[in-house]
C-alpha atoms as a PDB file:
ATOM      1  CA  UNK A   1      14.510   6.192 -12.596  1.00  0.00           C
ATOM      2  CA  UNK A   2      13.319   3.125 -10.606  1.00  0.00           C
ATOM      3  CA  UNK A   3      16.443   1.330  -9.590  1.00  0.00           C
ATOM      4  CA  UNK A   4      15.791  -2.321  -8.803  1.00  0.00           C
ATOM      5  CA  UNK A   5      16.462  -3.470  -5.390  1.00  0.00           C
ATOM      6  CA  UNK A   6      18.446  -6.653  -4.334  1.00  0.00           C
ATOM      7  CA  UNK A   7      16.113  -9.541  -4.872  1.00  0.00           C
ATOM      8  CA  UNK A   8      15.622 -12.116  -2.013  1.00  0.00           C
ATOM      9  CA  UNK A   9      12.905 -14.216  -0.556  1.00  0.00           C
ATOM     10  CA  UNK A  10      11.130 -14.590   2.724  1.00  0.00           C
ATOM     11  CA  UNK A  11       9.037 -17.740   3.715  1.00  0.00           C
ATOM     12  CA  UNK A  12       5.516 -16.878   4.800  1.00  0.00           C
ATOM     13  CA  UNK A  13       3.688 -18.777   7.667  1.00  0.00           C
ATOM     14  CA  UNK A  14       2.202 -21.207   5.189  1.00  0.00           C
ATOM     15  CA  UNK A  15       5.253 -21.709   3.097  1.00  0.00           C
ATOM     16  CA  UNK A  16       4.504 -19.236   0.234  1.00  0.00           C
ATOM     17  CA  UNK A  17       7.963 -17.641  -0.920  1.00  0.00           C
ATOM     18  CA  UNK A  18       7.601 -13.895  -0.657  1.00  0.00           C
ATOM     19  CA  UNK A  19       9.705 -11.849  -3.379  1.00  0.00           C
ATOM     20  CA  UNK A  20      11.559  -9.252  -1.516  1.00  0.00           C
ATOM     21  CA  UNK A  21      13.856  -6.462  -2.551  1.00  0.00           C
ATOM     22  CA  UNK A  22      16.304  -4.463  -0.309  1.00  0.00           C
ATOM     23  CA  UNK A  23      18.096  -1.239  -0.811  1.00  0.00           C
ATOM     24  CA  UNK A  24      20.657  -0.500   1.746  1.00  0.00           C
ATOM     25  CA  UNK A  25      23.546   1.983   2.206  1.00  0.00           C
ATOM     26  CA  UNK A  26      26.831   0.902   0.803  1.00  0.00           C
ATOM     27  CA  UNK A  27      28.432   1.282   4.305  1.00  0.00           C
ATOM     28  CA  UNK A  28      27.266   1.757   7.727  1.00  0.00           C
ATOM     29  CA  UNK A  29      24.102   1.171   9.888  1.00  0.00           C
ATOM     30  CA  UNK A  30      21.036   2.402   8.298  1.00  0.00           C
ATOM     31  CA  UNK A  31      19.176   5.371  10.187  1.00  0.00           C
ATOM     32  CA  UNK A  32      16.036   3.322   9.905  1.00  0.00           C
ATOM     33  CA  UNK A  33      14.387   0.968   7.597  1.00  0.00           C
ATOM     34  CA  UNK A  34      11.241   2.074   5.658  1.00  0.00           C
ATOM     35  CA  UNK A  35       9.225  -0.904   4.885  1.00  0.00           C
ATOM     36  CA  UNK A  36       7.172  -0.325   1.633  1.00  0.00           C
ATOM     37  CA  UNK A  37       3.733  -1.887   1.182  1.00  0.00           C
ATOM     38  CA  UNK A  38       2.638  -1.407  -2.158  1.00  0.00           C
ATOM     39  CA  UNK A  39      -0.784  -0.902  -3.905  1.00  0.00           C
ATOM     40  CA  UNK A  40      -3.224  -2.948  -5.630  1.00  0.00           C
ATOM     41  CA  UNK A  41      -2.393  -4.491  -9.019  1.00  0.00           C
ATOM     42  CA  UNK A  42       1.227  -3.304  -9.140  1.00  0.00           C
ATOM     43  CA  UNK A  43       4.622  -4.418  -7.594  1.00  0.00           C
ATOM     44  CA  UNK A  44       7.148  -3.325  -5.357  1.00  0.00           C
ATOM     45  CA  UNK A  45      10.018  -2.691  -7.615  1.00  0.00           C
ATOM     46  CA  UNK A  46       8.036   0.486  -8.881  1.00  0.00           C
ATOM     47  CA  UNK A  47       9.305   2.072  -5.736  1.00  0.00           C
ATOM     48  CA  UNK A  48      13.065   2.135  -6.592  1.00  0.00           C
ATOM     49  CA  UNK A  49      13.201   5.792  -7.424  1.00  0.00           C
ATOM     50  CA  UNK A  50      11.909   6.600  -3.975  1.00  0.00           C
ATOM     51  CA  UNK A  51      14.162   3.923  -2.311  1.00  0.00           C
ATOM     52  CA  UNK A  52      17.143   5.485  -4.037  1.00  0.00           C
ATOM     53  CA  UNK A  53      16.205   8.837  -2.694  1.00  0.00           C
ATOM     54  CA  UNK A  54      15.834   7.354   0.739  1.00  0.00           C
ATOM     55  CA  UNK A  55      19.314   5.622   0.408  1.00  0.00           C
ATOM     56  CA  UNK A  56      20.971   9.105  -0.305  1.00  0.00           C
ATOM     57  CA  UNK A  57      19.789  10.229   3.160  1.00  0.00           C
ATOM     58  CA  UNK A  58      21.038   7.209   5.125  1.00  0.00           C
ATOM     59  CA  UNK A  59      17.854   5.164   5.116  1.00  0.00           C
ATOM     60  CA  UNK A  60      17.474   1.314   4.020  1.00  0.00           C
ATOM     61  CA  UNK A  61      14.378   0.087   2.297  1.00  0.00           C
ATOM     62  CA  UNK A  62      12.629  -3.089   2.198  1.00  0.00           C
ATOM     63  CA  UNK A  63       9.713  -4.258   0.172  1.00  0.00           C
ATOM     64  CA  UNK A  64       7.858  -7.286  -0.979  1.00  0.00           C
ATOM     65  CA  UNK A  65       5.505  -8.451  -3.568  1.00  0.00           C
ATOM     66  CA  UNK A  66       2.130  -9.224  -2.191  1.00  0.00           C
ATOM     67  CA  UNK A  67       0.291 -12.477  -2.649  1.00  0.00           C
ATOM     68  CA  UNK A  68      -1.068 -12.407  -6.309  1.00  0.00           C
ATOM     69  CA  UNK A  69       1.269  -9.444  -7.123  1.00  0.00           C
ATOM     70  CA  UNK A  70       4.569  -9.366  -8.977  1.00  0.00           C
ATOM     71  CA  UNK A  71       7.138 -12.293  -8.520  1.00  0.00           C
ATOM     72  CA  UNK A  72       5.323 -13.593  -5.505  1.00  0.00           C
ATOM     73  CA  UNK A  73       2.295 -14.477  -7.667  1.00  0.00           C
ATOM     74  CA  UNK A  74       3.905 -17.534  -9.237  1.00  0.00           C
ATOM     75  CA  UNK A  75       3.562 -19.275  -5.745  1.00  0.00           C
ATOM     76  CA  UNK A  76      -0.074 -18.216  -5.237  1.00  0.00           C
ATOM     77  CA  UNK A  77      -1.787 -19.223  -8.572  1.00  0.00           C
ATOM     78  CA  UNK A  78      -0.916 -16.124 -10.765  1.00  0.00           C
ATOM     79  CA  UNK A  79      -1.697 -12.357 -10.746  1.00  0.00           C
ATOM     80  CA  UNK A  80      -4.774 -11.287  -8.747  1.00  0.00           C
ATOM     81  CA  UNK A  81      -4.989 -14.650  -6.896  1.00  0.00           C
ATOM     82  CA  UNK A  82      -3.956 -14.640  -3.210  1.00  0.00           C
ATOM     83  CA  UNK A  83      -5.283 -18.103  -1.697  1.00  0.00           C
ATOM     84  CA  UNK A  84      -7.663 -18.642   1.153  1.00  0.00           C
ATOM     85  CA  UNK A  85      -7.923 -15.590   3.579  1.00  0.00           C
ATOM     86  CA  UNK A  86      -5.684 -13.733   1.289  1.00  0.00           C
ATOM     87  CA  UNK A  87      -6.131 -10.422   3.143  1.00  0.00           C
ATOM     88  CA  UNK A  88      -5.184 -11.715   6.551  1.00  0.00           C
ATOM     89  CA  UNK A  89      -2.185 -13.636   4.798  1.00  0.00           C
ATOM     90  CA  UNK A  90      -1.029 -10.344   3.406  1.00  0.00           C
ATOM     91  CA  UNK A  91      -0.976  -8.724   6.747  1.00  0.00           C
ATOM     92  CA  UNK A  92       0.985 -11.503   8.115  1.00  0.00           C
ATOM     93  CA  UNK A  93       3.473 -11.322   5.148  1.00  0.00           C
ATOM     94  CA  UNK A  94       3.942  -7.734   6.159  1.00  0.00           C
ATOM     95  CA  UNK A  95       5.058  -8.808   9.454  1.00  0.00           C
ATOM     96  CA  UNK A  96       7.229 -11.723   8.059  1.00  0.00           C
ATOM     97  CA  UNK A  97       9.244  -9.331   5.794  1.00  0.00           C
ATOM     98  CA  UNK A  98       9.627  -6.797   8.535  1.00  0.00           C
ATOM     99  CA  UNK A  99      10.841  -9.516  11.118  1.00  0.00           C
ATOM    100  CA  UNK A 100      13.422 -10.782   8.564  1.00  0.00           C
ATOM    101  CA  UNK A 101      14.668  -7.085   8.248  1.00  0.00           C
ATOM    102  CA  UNK A 102      14.732  -6.461  11.994  1.00  0.00           C
ATOM    103  CA  UNK A 103      16.838  -9.701  12.668  1.00  0.00           C
ATOM    104  CA  UNK A 104      19.193  -8.623   9.988  1.00  0.00           C
ATOM    105  CA  UNK A 105      19.452  -5.028  11.332  1.00  0.00           C
ATOM    106  CA  UNK A 106      18.688  -5.422  15.139  1.00  0.00           C
ATOM    107  CA  UNK A 107      17.873  -2.191  16.720  1.00  0.00           C
ATOM    108  CA  UNK A 108      17.258  -0.324  13.669  1.00  0.00           C
ATOM    109  CA  UNK A 109      13.725   1.384  13.967  1.00  0.00           C
ATOM    110  CA  UNK A 110      11.241   0.443  11.007  1.00  0.00           C
ATOM    111  CA  UNK A 111       8.762   2.818   9.704  1.00  0.00           C
ATOM    112  CA  UNK A 112       5.878   1.470   7.605  1.00  0.00           C
ATOM    113  CA  UNK A 113       5.100   3.082   4.380  1.00  0.00           C
ATOM    114  CA  UNK A 114       1.921   1.977   2.747  1.00  0.00           C
ATOM    115  CA  UNK A 115       0.202   2.976  -0.591  1.00  0.00           C
ATOM    116  CA  UNK A 116      -3.367   2.675  -1.471  1.00  0.00           C
ATOM    117  CA  UNK A 117      -4.310  -0.921  -0.874  1.00  0.00           C
ATOM    118  CA  UNK A 118      -0.894  -0.933   0.898  1.00  0.00           C
ATOM    119  CA  UNK A 119      -2.089   1.775   3.150  1.00  0.00           C
ATOM    120  CA  UNK A 120      -5.104  -0.315   4.302  1.00  0.00           C
ATOM    121  CA  UNK A 121      -2.673  -3.145   4.893  1.00  0.00           C
ATOM    122  CA  UNK A 122      -0.269  -0.779   7.085  1.00  0.00           C
ATOM    123  CA  UNK A 123      -3.534   0.329   8.994  1.00  0.00           C
ATOM    124  CA  UNK A 124      -4.262  -3.199   9.736  1.00  0.00           C
ATOM    125  CA  UNK A 125      -0.757  -4.126  10.756  1.00  0.00           C
ATOM    126  CA  UNK A 126      -0.576  -1.025  13.147  1.00  0.00           C
ATOM    127  CA  UNK A 127      -3.826  -2.065  14.963  1.00  0.00           C
ATOM    128  CA  UNK A 128      -2.300  -5.581  15.340  1.00  0.00           C
ATOM    129  CA  UNK A 129       1.385  -5.046  15.853  1.00  0.00           C
ATOM    130  CA  UNK A 130       2.039  -1.402  16.717  1.00  0.00           C
ATOM    131  CA  UNK A 131       5.265  -2.234  18.871  1.00  0.00           C
ATOM    132  CA  UNK A 132       7.007  -3.159  15.757  1.00  0.00           C
ATOM    133  CA  UNK A 133       6.865   0.197  14.266  1.00  0.00           C
ATOM    134  CA  UNK A 134       8.448   3.710  14.894  1.00  0.00           C
ATOM    135  CA  UNK A 135       6.039   5.301  12.513  1.00  0.00           C
ATOM    136  CA  UNK A 136       3.537   5.032   9.723  1.00  0.00           C
ATOM    137  CA  UNK A 137       3.200   6.901   6.436  1.00  0.00           C
ATOM    138  CA  UNK A 138       0.345   6.444   4.413  1.00  0.00           C
ATOM    139  CA  UNK A 139       0.136   7.498   0.620  1.00  0.00           C
ATOM    140  CA  UNK A 140      -2.978   7.707  -1.589  1.00  0.00           C
ATOM    141  CA  UNK A 141      -5.084   6.722   1.362  1.00  0.00           C
ATOM    142  CA  UNK A 142      -8.769   6.489   1.653  1.00  0.00           C
ATOM    143  CA  UNK A 143     -10.793   5.119   4.402  1.00  0.00           C
ATOM    144  CA  UNK A 144     -12.919   2.721   2.374  1.00  0.00           C
ATOM    145  CA  UNK A 145     -13.294   1.548  -1.152  1.00  0.00           C
ATOM    146  CA  UNK A 146     -15.004   4.678  -2.807  1.00  0.00           C
ATOM    147  CA  UNK A 147     -18.530   3.921  -4.485  1.00  0.00           C
ATOM    148  CA  UNK A 148     -18.980   0.624  -2.720  1.00  0.00           C
ATOM    149  CA  UNK A 149     -21.432  -0.452  -0.231  1.00  0.00           C
ATOM    150  CA  UNK A 150     -19.775  -3.188   1.781  1.00  0.00           C
ATOM    151  CA  UNK A 151     -22.820  -5.369   2.346  1.00  0.00           C
ATOM    152  CA  UNK A 152     -23.619  -5.181  -1.491  1.00  0.00           C
ATOM    153  CA  UNK A 153     -20.178  -6.028  -2.281  1.00  0.00           C
ATOM    154  CA  UNK A 154     -19.971  -9.013  -0.038  1.00  0.00           C
ATOM    155  CA  UNK A 155     -23.345 -10.291  -1.365  1.00  0.00           C
ATOM    156  CA  UNK A 156     -22.280  -9.876  -5.184  1.00  0.00           C
ATOM    157  CA  UNK A 157     -18.580 -11.352  -4.525  1.00  0.00           C
ATOM    158  CA  UNK A 158     -20.111 -14.259  -2.397  1.00  0.00           C
ATOM    159  CA  UNK A 159     -22.325 -15.228  -5.245  1.00  0.00           C
ATOM    160  CA  UNK A 160     -19.500 -14.901  -7.962  1.00  0.00           C
ATOM    161  CA  UNK A 161     -17.226 -17.183  -5.626  1.00  0.00           C
ATOM    162  CA  UNK A 162     -20.019 -19.744  -5.093  1.00  0.00           C
ATOM    163  CA  UNK A 163     -20.673 -19.764  -8.941  1.00  0.00           C
ATOM    164  CA  UNK A 164     -17.202 -19.780 -10.431  1.00  0.00           C
ATOM    165  CA  UNK A 165     -14.947 -20.371  -7.565  1.00  0.00           C
ATOM    166  CA  UNK A 166     -12.594 -17.856  -5.600  1.00  0.00           C
ATOM    167  CA  UNK A 167      -9.908 -18.029  -8.108  1.00  0.00           C
ATOM    168  CA  UNK A 168     -12.163 -17.046 -11.038  1.00  0.00           C
ATOM    169  CA  UNK A 169     -11.367 -13.393 -12.225  1.00  0.00           C
ATOM    170  CA  UNK A 170     -13.839 -10.695 -11.121  1.00  0.00           C
ATOM    171  CA  UNK A 171     -14.741  -7.570 -12.616  1.00  0.00           C
ATOM    172  CA  UNK A 172     -15.164  -5.881  -9.395  1.00  0.00           C
ATOM    173  CA  UNK A 173     -11.915  -4.114  -8.929  1.00  0.00           C
ATOM    174  CA  UNK A 174     -11.553  -3.146 -12.747  1.00  0.00           C
ATOM    175  CA  UNK A 175     -15.014  -1.729 -12.572  1.00  0.00           C
ATOM    176  CA  UNK A 176     -13.817   0.576  -9.781  1.00  0.00           C
ATOM    177  CA  UNK A 177     -10.461   1.672 -11.403  1.00  0.00           C
ATOM    178  CA  UNK A 178     -12.128   2.519 -14.499  1.00  0.00           C
ATOM    179  CA  UNK A 179     -14.558   4.713 -12.574  1.00  0.00           C
ATOM    180  CA  UNK A 180     -11.590   6.588 -11.255  1.00  0.00           C
ATOM    181  CA  UNK A 181     -10.681   7.749 -14.619  1.00  0.00           C
ATOM    182  CA  UNK A 182     -14.214   9.430 -15.045  1.00  0.00           C
ATOM    183  CA  UNK A 183     -12.839  12.866 -14.177  1.00  0.00           C
ATOM    184  CA  UNK A 184      -9.843  12.911 -16.493  1.00  0.00           C
ATOM    185  CA  UNK A 185      -9.646  13.052 -20.195  1.00  0.00           C
ATOM    186  CA  UNK A 186      -8.963   9.610 -21.349  1.00  0.00           C
ATOM    187  CA  UNK A 187      -6.023   8.568 -23.233  1.00  0.00           C
ATOM    188  CA  UNK A 188      -4.979   5.197 -21.702  1.00  0.00           C
ATOM    189  CA  UNK A 189      -7.722   4.938 -18.937  1.00  0.00           C
ATOM    190  CA  UNK A 190      -5.020   5.199 -16.171  1.00  0.00           C
ATOM    191  CA  UNK A 191      -4.740   9.042 -16.205  1.00  0.00           C
ATOM    192  CA  UNK A 192      -6.116   9.131 -12.539  1.00  0.00           C
ATOM    193  CA  UNK A 193      -2.751   7.866 -11.412  1.00  0.00           C
ATOM    194  CA  UNK A 194      -0.595  10.749 -12.338  1.00  0.00           C
ATOM    195  CA  UNK A 195      -0.362  14.037 -14.394  1.00  0.00           C
ATOM    196  CA  UNK A 196       3.090  12.714 -15.774  1.00  0.00           C
ATOM    197  CA  UNK A 197       2.137  10.975 -19.134  1.00  0.00           C
ATOM    198  CA  UNK A 198       5.578   9.031 -19.021  1.00  0.00           C
ATOM    199  CA  UNK A 199       4.584   7.467 -15.871  1.00  0.00           C
ATOM    200  CA  UNK A 200       1.013   6.633 -16.897  1.00  0.00           C
ATOM    201  CA  UNK A 201       2.475   4.937 -20.008  1.00  0.00           C
ATOM    202  CA  UNK A 202       4.993   2.884 -17.931  1.00  0.00           C
ATOM    203  CA  UNK A 203       2.280   1.569 -15.737  1.00  0.00           C
ATOM    204  CA  UNK A 204      -0.192   0.512 -18.650  1.00  0.00           C
ATOM    205  CA  UNK A 205       3.070  -1.118 -20.471  1.00  0.00           C
ATOM    206  CA  UNK A 206       3.993  -3.019 -17.402  1.00  0.00           C
ATOM    207  CA  UNK A 207       2.265  -6.443 -17.679  1.00  0.00           C
ATOM    208  CA  UNK A 208       2.554  -6.684 -13.880  1.00  0.00           C
ATOM    209  CA  UNK A 209       0.177  -3.822 -13.295  1.00  0.00           C
ATOM    210  CA  UNK A 210      -3.508  -3.264 -13.957  1.00  0.00           C
ATOM    211  CA  UNK A 211      -4.463  -6.866 -13.726  1.00  0.00           C
ATOM    212  CA  UNK A 212      -7.854  -8.008 -12.426  1.00  0.00           C
ATOM    213  CA  UNK A 213      -8.295  -9.355  -8.772  1.00  0.00           C
ATOM    214  CA  UNK A 214      -9.726 -13.003  -8.329  1.00  0.00           C
ATOM    215  CA  UNK A 215     -13.268 -12.903  -6.574  1.00  0.00           C
ATOM    216  CA  UNK A 216     -11.637 -14.310  -3.437  1.00  0.00           C
ATOM    217  CA  UNK A 217      -9.014 -11.572  -3.057  1.00  0.00           C
ATOM    218  CA  UNK A 218     -11.827  -8.806  -3.999  1.00  0.00           C
ATOM    219  CA  UNK A 219     -13.956 -10.356  -1.273  1.00  0.00           C
ATOM    220  CA  UNK A 220     -11.041 -10.826   1.369  1.00  0.00           C
ATOM    221  CA  UNK A 221     -10.262  -6.994   0.689  1.00  0.00           C
ATOM    222  CA  UNK A 222     -13.792  -6.042   1.379  1.00  0.00           C
ATOM    223  CA  UNK A 223     -13.631  -8.117   4.730  1.00  0.00           C
ATOM    224  CA  UNK A 224     -10.336  -6.506   5.694  1.00  0.00           C
ATOM    225  CA  UNK A 225     -11.758  -2.954   5.149  1.00  0.00           C
ATOM    226  CA  UNK A 226     -14.575  -3.962   7.557  1.00  0.00           C
ATOM    227  CA  UNK A 227     -12.031  -5.304  10.069  1.00  0.00           C
ATOM    228  CA  UNK A 228      -9.639  -2.261   9.948  1.00  0.00           C
ATOM    229  CA  UNK A 229     -12.579   0.351  10.226  1.00  0.00           C
ATOM    230  CA  UNK A 230     -14.208  -1.308  13.132  1.00  0.00           C
ATOM    231  CA  UNK A 231     -13.850   1.344  16.165  1.00  0.00           C
ATOM    232  CA  UNK A 232     -12.853  -1.532  18.460  1.00  0.00           C
ATOM    233  CA  UNK A 233      -9.810  -2.232  16.327  1.00  0.00           C
ATOM    234  CA  UNK A 234      -9.070   1.446  15.589  1.00  0.00           C
ATOM    235  CA  UNK A 235      -8.734   2.038  19.326  1.00  0.00           C
ATOM    236  CA  UNK A 236      -6.037  -0.509  19.541  1.00  0.00           C
ATOM    237  CA  UNK A 237      -3.710   1.889  17.983  1.00  0.00           C
ATOM    238  CA  UNK A 238      -1.484   3.534  20.593  1.00  0.00           C
ATOM    239  CA  UNK A 239      -1.569   7.177  21.137  1.00  0.00           C
ATOM    240  CA  UNK A 240       2.299   7.499  20.694  1.00  0.00           C
ATOM    241  CA  UNK A 241       2.601   5.879  17.172  1.00  0.00           C
ATOM    242  CA  UNK A 242       3.125   8.814  14.687  1.00  0.00           C
ATOM    243  CA  UNK A 243       1.039   8.906  11.568  1.00  0.00           C
ATOM    244  CA  UNK A 244       1.582  10.943   8.478  1.00  0.00           C
ATOM    245  CA  UNK A 245      -0.947  10.919   5.465  1.00  0.00           C
ATOM    246  CA  UNK A 246       0.289  12.318   2.088  1.00  0.00           C
ATOM    247  CA  UNK A 247      -2.267  12.408  -0.880  1.00  0.00           C
ATOM    248  CA  UNK A 248      -2.967  14.524  -4.083  1.00  0.00           C
ATOM    249  CA  UNK A 249      -5.939  16.665  -3.910  1.00  0.00           C
ATOM    250  CA  UNK A 250      -7.181  15.331  -7.120  1.00  0.00           C
ATOM    251  CA  UNK A 251      -7.019  11.683  -6.464  1.00  0.00           C
ATOM    252  CA  UNK A 252     -10.382  10.338  -7.192  1.00  0.00           C
ATOM    253  CA  UNK A 253     -10.101   7.428  -4.434  1.00  0.00           C
ATOM    254  CA  UNK A 254     -10.756   9.727  -1.464  1.00  0.00           C
ATOM    255  CA  UNK A 255     -13.877  11.528  -3.130  1.00  0.00           C
ATOM    256  CA  UNK A 256     -12.732  15.029  -2.873  1.00  0.00           C
ATOM    257  CA  UNK A 257     -10.674  14.522   0.436  1.00  0.00           C
ATOM    258  CA  UNK A 258     -13.987  13.106   2.289  1.00  0.00           C
ATOM    259  CA  UNK A 259     -12.326   9.651   2.865  1.00  0.00           C
ATOM    260  CA  UNK A 260      -9.141  11.316   4.063  1.00  0.00           C
ATOM    261  CA  UNK A 261     -10.862  13.465   6.504  1.00  0.00           C
ATOM    262  CA  UNK A 262     -12.916  10.484   7.664  1.00  0.00           C
ATOM    263  CA  UNK A 263      -9.684   8.672   8.314  1.00  0.00           C
ATOM    264  CA  UNK A 264      -8.201  11.469  10.118  1.00  0.00           C
ATOM    265  CA  UNK A 265     -11.361  11.452  12.557  1.00  0.00           C
ATOM    266  CA  UNK A 266     -11.018   7.878  13.360  1.00  0.00           C
ATOM    267  CA  UNK A 267      -7.217   8.302  14.234  1.00  0.00           C
ATOM    268  CA  UNK A 268      -7.770  11.321  16.243  1.00  0.00           C
ATOM    269  CA  UNK A 269     -10.843   9.437  18.197  1.00  0.00           C
ATOM    270  CA  UNK A 270      -8.269   6.880  18.883  1.00  0.00           C
ATOM    271  CA  UNK A 271      -6.130   9.284  20.512  1.00  0.00           C
ATOM    272  CA  UNK A 272      -3.247   9.498  17.998  1.00  0.00           C
ATOM    273  CA  UNK A 273      -1.115  12.291  19.310  1.00  0.00           C
ATOM    274  CA  UNK A 274       1.181  12.835  16.322  1.00  0.00           C
ATOM    275  CA  UNK A 275      -0.955  13.031  13.219  1.00  0.00           C
ATOM    276  CA  UNK A 276      -0.238  15.108  10.369  1.00  0.00           C
ATOM    277  CA  UNK A 277      -1.709  15.448   6.666  1.00  0.00           C
ATOM    278  CA  UNK A 278      -0.116  16.837   3.473  1.00  0.00           C
ATOM    279  CA  UNK A 279      -2.212  17.488   0.597  1.00  0.00           C
ATOM    280  CA  UNK A 280      -0.665  18.190  -2.754  1.00  0.00           C
ATOM    281  CA  UNK A 281      -2.549  20.483  -4.848  1.00  0.00           C
ATOM    282  CA  UNK A 282      -3.579  19.245  -8.311  1.00  0.00           C
ATOM    283  CA  UNK A 283      -1.436  15.831  -7.696  1.00  0.00           C
ATOM    284  CA  UNK A 284      -3.510  12.600  -8.454  1.00  0.00           C
ATOM    285  CA  UNK A 285      -3.190   9.022  -6.917  1.00  0.00           C
ATOM    286  CA  UNK A 286       0.425   8.128  -7.154  1.00  0.00           C
ATOM    287  CA  UNK A 287       1.980  11.094  -5.638  1.00  0.00           C
ATOM    288  CA  UNK A 288       5.619   9.251  -5.621  1.00  0.00           C
ATOM    289  CA  UNK A 289       5.245   9.302  -9.582  1.00  0.00           C
ATOM    290  CA  UNK A 290       3.584  12.744 -10.023  1.00  0.00           C
ATOM    291  CA  UNK A 291       5.192  15.768 -11.422  1.00  0.00           C
ATOM    292  CA  UNK A 292       5.906  17.189  -8.143  1.00  0.00           C
ATOM    293  CA  UNK A 293       7.542  13.889  -6.855  1.00  0.00           C
ATOM    294  CA  UNK A 294      10.779  15.827  -5.856  1.00  0.00           C
ATOM    295  CA  UNK A 295       8.934  17.945  -3.367  1.00  0.00           C
ATOM    296  CA  UNK A 296       7.040  14.781  -2.291  1.00  0.00           C
ATOM    297  CA  UNK A 297      10.362  13.175  -1.737  1.00  0.00           C
ATOM    298  CA  UNK A 298      11.692  16.027   0.260  1.00  0.00           C
ATOM    299  CA  UNK A 299       8.676  16.186   2.412  1.00  0.00           C
ATOM    300  CA  UNK A 300       8.635  12.559   3.404  1.00  0.00           C
ATOM    301  CA  UNK A 301      12.279  12.611   4.162  1.00  0.00           C
ATOM    302  CA  UNK A 302      11.909  15.670   6.446  1.00  0.00           C
ATOM    303  CA  UNK A 303       9.098  13.843   8.289  1.00  0.00           C
ATOM    304  CA  UNK A 304      11.372  10.798   8.735  1.00  0.00           C
ATOM    305  CA  UNK A 305      14.283  12.942   9.964  1.00  0.00           C
ATOM    306  CA  UNK A 306      12.035  14.299  12.589  1.00  0.00           C
ATOM    307  CA  UNK A 307      10.585  11.159  13.733  1.00  0.00           C
ATOM    308  CA  UNK A 308      13.636   8.712  13.761  1.00  0.00           C
END
């Protein structure tokens, strides 16, 4: 069950009110804070079950809805709309939320947990602000957006933005989500997320999930991918920052593990000394909502226990 976190807010650099959620131990200082950075077209409250598991092991959890997502979307123009330079603003928001948590819990280490789009935001953050972090966990991770040529994507999205405006709905992201389901028998169109039908049904029934991105946010995402895959930026990641990658082998986003192995090579080339990968056989994109989620929870907790 996804137990809701305690709601709050954090004020972004441009005044946007970010919807935040915290899960903290009833008593005592948390061993560490796990800051969850959620994926595309979903929201932070979907991670309540994982947060409760971490609580039972002495960890605190903080998360926020991105711009254009969840409760934060009311202040940015609606679901899928993130405003000007949305990607860079979202990376800045990750720091705003983390800084607020660090101020409330001085001296407590922070581990960044990013899923899917959130894994890309986490990678970007680790390039720019590595000293804030005790470690990085990347779930549902892939080096770049599969089936997408960045140059063609930028050309198409810039044309759409010029014709309709940045806030107009774009079919770019829904087209990619739809293609991810090609390998699976279609029931809802979201079978690529998990083998657990109840979890897929919960996602499709949630009006805060599965929405289309605006042209501007889709374009900013592509520019963000270019930035975080630039070798000069990858080289900024310090060798002593631990990274753990956790994926399902049947996740269509990484093209048969190819885009995971490419990312591993990037991190190895940057000199990251503590770099691990766990691939769960048969699992799909959302390993925290998979049929083997208890195993995933145990493994991630063991990694945290070792590194905090």
